[in-house]
Structures are given as C-alpha cells and as structure tokens.
Amino acid sequence: MEAAHIVFQLGFLQITSTVITTWGILLLLGVGSWLATRSLSVASPGLVQTALEGAVQSIEAAIEGVLPGRSALLLPFVGTLWIFVAVANLTGLVPELHAPTGDLSTTAALAFLVFLSVHWFGICSSSLKTYLHHYLTPSPVLLPFHLLGELSRTLALAVRLFGNIMSLEMAALLVLLVAGLLVPVPILMLHIIEALVQAYIFGTLALIYIAGGMQSQEASHASDTRSSNAPDKKGSST
C-alpha cells in the first residue's frame, strides 16, 4: 500500500490523494442520497426506497438497543458515520484507489468528530454545568484520569480503524502478488466483509461513547436532584 501523495497545494495546505478520494466519496454520497430520495412514494415504494428504509430501520434499531428513545436525535450523526466509514473502507476495492481510512489522518479526523460529539450530546442531554461536574465525580482527584481516558480512547479509535484497514489492504496486495489472479474472488469477499465489520465496529464504539456521555450526565443530574430534595423530605417527615 503506497502512501498518499500530494496532488496539489493551496498555500500551506497540501491536498493529498486521500483528501481527493474523500471529497469524491462525499460527493458520491451526497448526489446518491439526492437521487435516491427525490421520488419517494408511500403507496408504491420501489426497490431502492425499500433498501434505504431497511438500512435506516436497521440503524435506528441499533441505536435504540443502546439508547432507547434517542434514535431520532442520534440517527443523523451515527448513521452518516456508519455509511461514510463503510463506503470509505470499500473504496480500496476500486483499482488505483486506496481507502481513505487506511490513512491515519482520516481516521484521526473521524475520531476527533466522535470526541466532539460525545461532549456535544452530553451537554445537550443536561447542561454544561452538569456535564463538567461529572468529571469531578466521585472526587476531583480523578479529573486527570477522566481526561486521560477521553484522550486515550479517542486515540485508540483512530489507530484501530487505521491499522485494520491498512493491514487489510497490505494483506490483499501480498496475496495477489504471490498467487497472481488465481484467488481474486476469496480475497475480494474477505475485503468486503472485513471492511463492513470495521465500519460497524467504529460506528458502534462511537455510539457507545456517546451513550456513556449522555447517560452519565443524566445519572449525575438525577443524583443532584435527589440530593437537593433530601432535606425537604426529611423536614416533611418530621
């Protein structure tokens, strides 16, 4: 697997082949979504609409399994993340193209988006004060460990996807070099399955991190509410 090369430069910004491929995927998904949804029908849904509805319902069911009642809130982000990573992983099957997720810069950017989304949904589920307070729970001494955990899992998320996709493309290339074109179909199927599995794992981990952030805020908020009501209950009983 060859490294991404610089295609052109805009000032100090270097536009690599990975960036160009990513832009192409975004354009493909945008145009494809527009074409697939411009003529939806309730009375007589077509094959494409049925497939899309099945995919959306599957993603909704996965979100509901982790965070019941929050699928409408999380579907746009988590669903887009799942689809993009899956398509990006499968791009390595196209001749002369390499999967953008085989570049650490891409997986780091995706992991950073997940990092931001955890805090965003966590704050939206309660308040900024409650969200920041959970880093000091159960003791302010644990603050550095909470921060270290946030950074380490973000790094692990980026490196995991990068390492798996890079090794997958390298393994496929080595096998094809050794065996020639005698075993293209099994390698192709292995690549597709592994690419989809890695996309599912990445999206699931992102969903779990977001759910953890939202649930911790709700638990902290409920605990604060019980603590504030405790004196009132004691006074009323006396």
Protein backbone atom coordinates (compact mmCIF):
# COMPACT_ATOMS: atom_id res chain seq x y z
CA MET A 1 0.00 0.00 0.00
CA GLU A 2 1.62 3.22 -1.10
CA ALA A 3 1.48 6.36 0.95
CA ALA A 4 -0.81 9.20 -0.01
CA HIS A 5 0.94 11.64 -2.33
CA ILE A 6 0.42 15.38 -2.70
CA VAL A 7 -1.82 16.20 -5.69
CA PHE A 8 -1.66 20.00 -5.41
CA GLN A 9 -1.11 22.69 -2.82
CA LEU A 10 -3.23 25.65 -1.69
CA GLY A 11 -0.87 27.96 0.15
CA PHE A 12 0.34 26.00 3.16
CA LEU A 13 -2.38 23.35 2.69
CA GLN A 14 -1.25 20.19 0.96
CA ILE A 15 -4.08 18.36 -0.81
CA THR A 16 -3.22 14.67 -0.93
CA SER A 17 -4.77 11.80 -2.84
CA THR A 18 -6.53 10.77 0.38
CA VAL A 19 -8.27 14.15 0.53
CA ILE A 20 -9.29 13.93 -3.13
CA THR A 21 -10.70 10.42 -2.60
CA THR A 22 -12.57 11.61 0.49
CA TRP A 23 -14.08 14.51 -1.45
CA GLY A 24 -15.15 12.06 -4.13
CA ILE A 25 -16.85 9.84 -1.54
CA LEU A 26 -18.67 12.83 -0.05
CA LEU A 27 -19.83 13.91 -3.50
CA LEU A 28 -20.92 10.38 -4.35
CA LEU A 29 -22.91 10.03 -1.12
CA GLY A 30 -24.47 13.48 -1.50
CA VAL A 31 -25.56 13.01 -5.10
CA GLY A 32 -26.61 9.42 -4.44
CA SER A 33 -28.75 10.47 -1.47
CA TRP A 34 -30.43 13.17 -3.54
CA LEU A 35 -31.16 10.84 -6.43
CA ALA A 36 -32.42 8.07 -4.16
CA THR A 37 -34.77 10.27 -2.14
CA ARG A 38 -36.17 12.69 -4.72
CA SER A 39 -39.07 10.43 -5.73
CA LEU A 40 -40.14 8.62 -2.57
CA SER A 41 -43.59 7.04 -2.51
CA VAL A 42 -45.68 5.72 0.36
CA ALA A 43 -48.17 3.89 -1.86
CA SER A 44 -45.71 2.07 -4.12
CA PRO A 45 -42.13 2.13 -2.81
CA GLY A 46 -39.51 0.95 -5.26
CA LEU A 47 -36.62 -1.41 -4.69
CA VAL A 48 -34.17 1.40 -3.87
CA GLN A 49 -36.58 3.01 -1.41
CA THR A 50 -37.21 -0.33 0.27
CA ALA A 51 -33.48 -0.93 0.64
CA LEU A 52 -32.95 2.56 2.05
CA GLU A 53 -35.80 2.18 4.51
CA GLY A 54 -34.41 -1.17 5.61
CA ALA A 55 -30.96 0.37 6.19
CA VAL A 56 -32.40 3.29 8.15
CA GLN A 57 -34.54 0.97 10.27
CA SER A 58 -31.53 -1.23 11.00
CA ILE A 59 -29.50 1.77 12.17
CA GLU A 60 -32.44 3.01 14.26
CA ALA A 61 -32.77 -0.43 15.87
CA ALA A 62 -29.05 -0.46 16.71
CA ILE A 63 -29.30 2.99 18.33
CA GLU A 64 -32.47 2.01 20.22
CA GLY A 65 -30.65 -1.02 21.60
CA VAL A 66 -28.04 1.22 23.20
CA LEU A 67 -30.05 4.38 23.92
CA PRO A 68 -33.82 3.74 23.90
CA GLY A 69 -35.84 6.72 22.74
CA ARG A 70 -32.84 8.61 21.33
CA SER A 71 -32.69 7.24 17.78
CA ALA A 72 -34.23 10.37 16.24
CA LEU A 73 -31.55 12.51 17.89
CA LEU A 74 -28.54 10.33 17.06
CA LEU A 75 -29.55 8.88 13.70
CA PRO A 76 -28.22 11.76 11.53
CA PHE A 77 -24.72 11.64 13.02
CA VAL A 78 -24.30 7.94 13.78
CA GLY A 79 -25.99 6.85 10.56
CA THR A 80 -23.85 9.16 8.44
CA LEU A 81 -20.73 7.98 10.25
CA TRP A 82 -21.56 4.33 9.64
CA ILE A 83 -22.29 4.84 5.95
CA PHE A 84 -19.25 7.02 5.29
CA VAL A 85 -16.81 4.65 7.00
CA ALA A 86 -18.29 1.64 5.20
CA VAL A 87 -18.01 3.29 1.77
CA ALA A 88 -14.53 4.63 2.57
CA ASN A 89 -13.36 1.16 3.61
CA LEU A 90 -14.73 -0.37 0.41
CA THR A 91 -13.01 2.24 -1.77
CA GLY A 92 -9.85 0.14 -1.59
CA LEU A 93 -11.53 -2.33 -3.93
CA VAL A 94 -11.52 0.21 -6.77
CA PRO A 95 -8.40 -0.11 -8.95
CA GLU A 96 -5.85 2.69 -8.48
CA LEU A 97 -7.65 3.93 -5.37
CA HIS A 98 -6.85 3.41 -1.71
CA ALA A 99 -9.27 3.54 1.20
CA PRO A 100 -9.08 6.94 2.93
CA THR A 101 -9.46 5.11 6.23
CA GLY A 102 -6.10 3.49 5.53
CA ASP A 103 -4.59 6.94 6.20
CA LEU A 104 -4.12 7.87 9.84
CA SER A 105 -5.06 11.50 9.15
CA THR A 106 -8.56 10.43 8.04
CA THR A 107 -9.19 8.11 10.97
CA ALA A 108 -7.85 10.75 13.36
CA ALA A 109 -10.31 13.29 11.92
CA LEU A 110 -13.18 10.81 12.31
CA ALA A 111 -12.16 10.01 15.88
CA PHE A 112 -11.97 13.74 16.64
CA LEU A 113 -15.54 14.16 15.36
CA VAL A 114 -16.63 11.36 17.68
CA PHE A 115 -14.75 13.07 20.54
CA LEU A 116 -16.62 16.33 19.90
CA SER A 117 -19.96 14.56 19.50
CA VAL A 118 -19.61 12.85 22.89
CA HIS A 119 -19.29 16.23 24.60
CA TRP A 120 -21.95 17.86 22.43
CA PHE A 121 -24.62 15.23 23.09
CA GLY A 122 -23.56 15.02 26.73
CA ILE A 123 -24.10 18.75 27.21
CA CYS A 124 -27.38 18.69 25.27
CA SER A 125 -28.71 15.88 27.47
CA SER A 126 -28.46 18.02 30.61
CA SER A 127 -26.48 21.25 30.90
CA LEU A 128 -22.92 22.49 30.65
CA LYS A 129 -22.58 22.73 34.44
CA THR A 130 -23.80 19.18 34.99
CA TYR A 131 -21.61 17.88 32.20
CA LEU A 132 -18.45 19.46 33.61
CA HIS A 133 -19.40 18.32 37.11
CA HIS A 134 -19.31 14.65 36.15
CA TYR A 135 -15.55 14.92 35.57
CA LEU A 136 -15.20 15.73 39.28
CA THR A 137 -17.34 12.77 40.37
CA PRO A 138 -16.89 10.99 42.72
CA SER A 139 -13.78 13.01 43.60
CA PRO A 140 -11.90 15.93 41.97
CA VAL A 141 -8.74 13.84 42.32
CA LEU A 142 -9.99 11.69 39.44
CA LEU A 143 -10.13 14.61 36.97
CA PRO A 144 -6.74 13.81 35.32
CA PHE A 145 -7.79 10.18 34.90
CA HIS A 146 -11.10 11.18 33.31
CA LEU A 147 -9.26 13.43 30.84
CA LEU A 148 -6.66 10.77 30.11
CA GLY A 149 -9.42 8.25 29.44
CA GLU A 150 -11.10 10.62 26.97
CA LEU A 151 -7.86 11.15 25.05
CA SER A 152 -6.73 7.52 25.10
CA ARG A 153 -10.00 6.11 23.78
CA THR A 154 -10.07 8.73 21.01
CA LEU A 155 -6.53 7.76 20.00
CA ALA A 156 -7.42 4.07 20.17
CA LEU A 157 -10.46 4.65 17.97
CA ALA A 158 -8.32 6.31 15.29
CA VAL A 159 -5.47 3.80 15.40
CA ARG A 160 -7.78 0.77 15.45
CA LEU A 161 -9.54 1.65 12.19
CA PHE A 162 -6.33 2.82 10.50
CA GLY A 163 -4.40 -0.31 11.48
CA ASN A 164 -7.11 -2.73 10.40
CA ILE A 165 -7.75 -1.15 7.01
CA MET A 166 -4.06 -0.64 6.26
CA SER A 167 -3.23 -4.25 7.17
CA LEU A 168 -6.23 -5.49 5.16
CA GLU A 169 -5.06 -3.73 2.00
CA MET A 170 -1.46 -4.86 2.52
CA ALA A 171 -2.52 -8.47 3.07
CA ALA A 172 -4.69 -8.44 -0.05
CA LEU A 173 -1.84 -6.95 -2.08
CA LEU A 174 0.69 -9.51 -0.84
CA VAL A 175 -1.62 -12.45 -1.53
CA LEU A 176 -2.33 -11.21 -5.05
CA LEU A 177 1.38 -10.72 -5.71
CA VAL A 178 2.15 -14.26 -4.58
CA ALA A 179 -0.86 -16.09 -6.03
CA GLY A 180 -1.50 -13.84 -9.01
CA LEU A 181 -5.07 -13.84 -10.22
CA LEU A 182 -5.82 -17.38 -9.04
CA VAL A 183 -7.62 -16.31 -5.86
CA PRO A 184 -9.21 -12.91 -6.58
CA VAL A 185 -12.76 -13.84 -5.51
CA PRO A 186 -11.98 -15.08 -1.97
CA ILE A 187 -9.72 -12.08 -1.34
CA LEU A 188 -12.42 -9.78 -2.67
CA MET A 189 -15.04 -11.30 -0.38
CA LEU A 190 -12.69 -11.14 2.60
CA HIS A 191 -12.02 -7.48 1.89
CA ILE A 192 -15.73 -6.65 1.67
CA ILE A 193 -16.60 -8.50 4.87
CA GLU A 194 -13.71 -7.02 6.84
CA ALA A 195 -14.41 -3.51 5.55
CA LEU A 196 -18.05 -3.73 6.64
CA VAL A 197 -17.13 -5.25 10.00
CA GLN A 198 -14.63 -2.47 10.74
CA ALA A 199 -17.21 0.16 9.81
CA TYR A 200 -19.73 -1.48 12.13
CA ILE A 201 -17.21 -1.64 14.99
CA PHE A 202 -16.21 2.01 14.55
CA GLY A 203 -19.82 3.21 14.49
CA THR A 204 -20.78 1.01 17.43
CA LEU A 205 -17.88 2.27 19.55
CA ALA A 206 -18.82 5.85 18.69
CA LEU A 207 -22.43 5.13 19.71
CA ILE A 208 -21.31 3.56 22.99
CA TYR A 209 -19.08 6.54 23.82
CA ILE A 210 -21.93 8.96 23.09
CA ALA A 211 -24.35 6.86 25.14
CA GLY A 212 -21.89 6.80 28.04
CA GLY A 213 -21.59 10.57 27.95
CA MET A 214 -25.34 11.12 27.83
CA GLN A 215 -26.18 8.56 30.50
CA SER A 216 -23.51 9.83 32.88
CA GLN A 217 -25.00 13.31 32.66
CA GLU A 218 -28.49 12.01 33.30
CA ALA A 219 -27.30 9.96 36.27
CA SER A 220 -25.39 12.92 37.68
CA HIS A 221 -28.40 15.18 37.19
CA ALA A 222 -30.72 12.68 38.90
CA SER A 223 -28.28 12.32 41.79
CA ASP A 224 -28.10 16.09 42.24
CA THR A 225 -31.90 16.29 42.16
CA ARG A 226 -32.26 13.63 44.84
CA SER A 227 -29.64 15.35 46.99
CA SER A 228 -31.40 18.71 46.72
CA ASN A 229 -34.78 17.15 47.61
CA ALA A 230 -33.48 15.10 50.53
CA PRO A 231 -33.72 17.88 53.19
CA ASP A 232 -37.27 18.68 52.09
CA LYS A 233 -38.30 15.06 52.51
CA LYS A 234 -36.69 14.87 55.94
CA GLY A 235 -38.33 18.09 57.07
CA SER A 236 -41.74 16.98 55.86
CA SER A 237 -41.44 13.66 57.69
CA THR A 238 -40.60 15.38 60.97
